[in-house]
Amino acid sequence: MVTDPMIYLHQILIARKSAPNSVNEFKNMLKSIWFKLYKREVRDDSSSFEHVFVGEVKNGEVSGKHFVCFLSFFFLFFFNLRSHILN
């Protein structure tokens, strides 16, 4: 919580009355948002972190993995752009 983006985020959320003033309470809030298990299909079978970064199996298909998809598209764009610049 000592990086400029996290300090800035915390200040914005305090101003919007969406986060506690205490840094420790804010850390606990973020931890709960990302890692607390919630019910997707059965009790306590998923977390936000799992959904965004790892993915989940739902009805035989993988859902989530938004960060992995973002990285895939980013690298495709980057290498495509790079190949056009070099040619």
Foldseek 3Di string as FASTA:
>chain_A
DPDPVVVVVQVVCVVVVNADPDPVRRVVVVCCQAPAADDDPDGRPDHNVCQACPFDADPNDTHHVVVVVVVVVVVVVVVVVVVVVVD
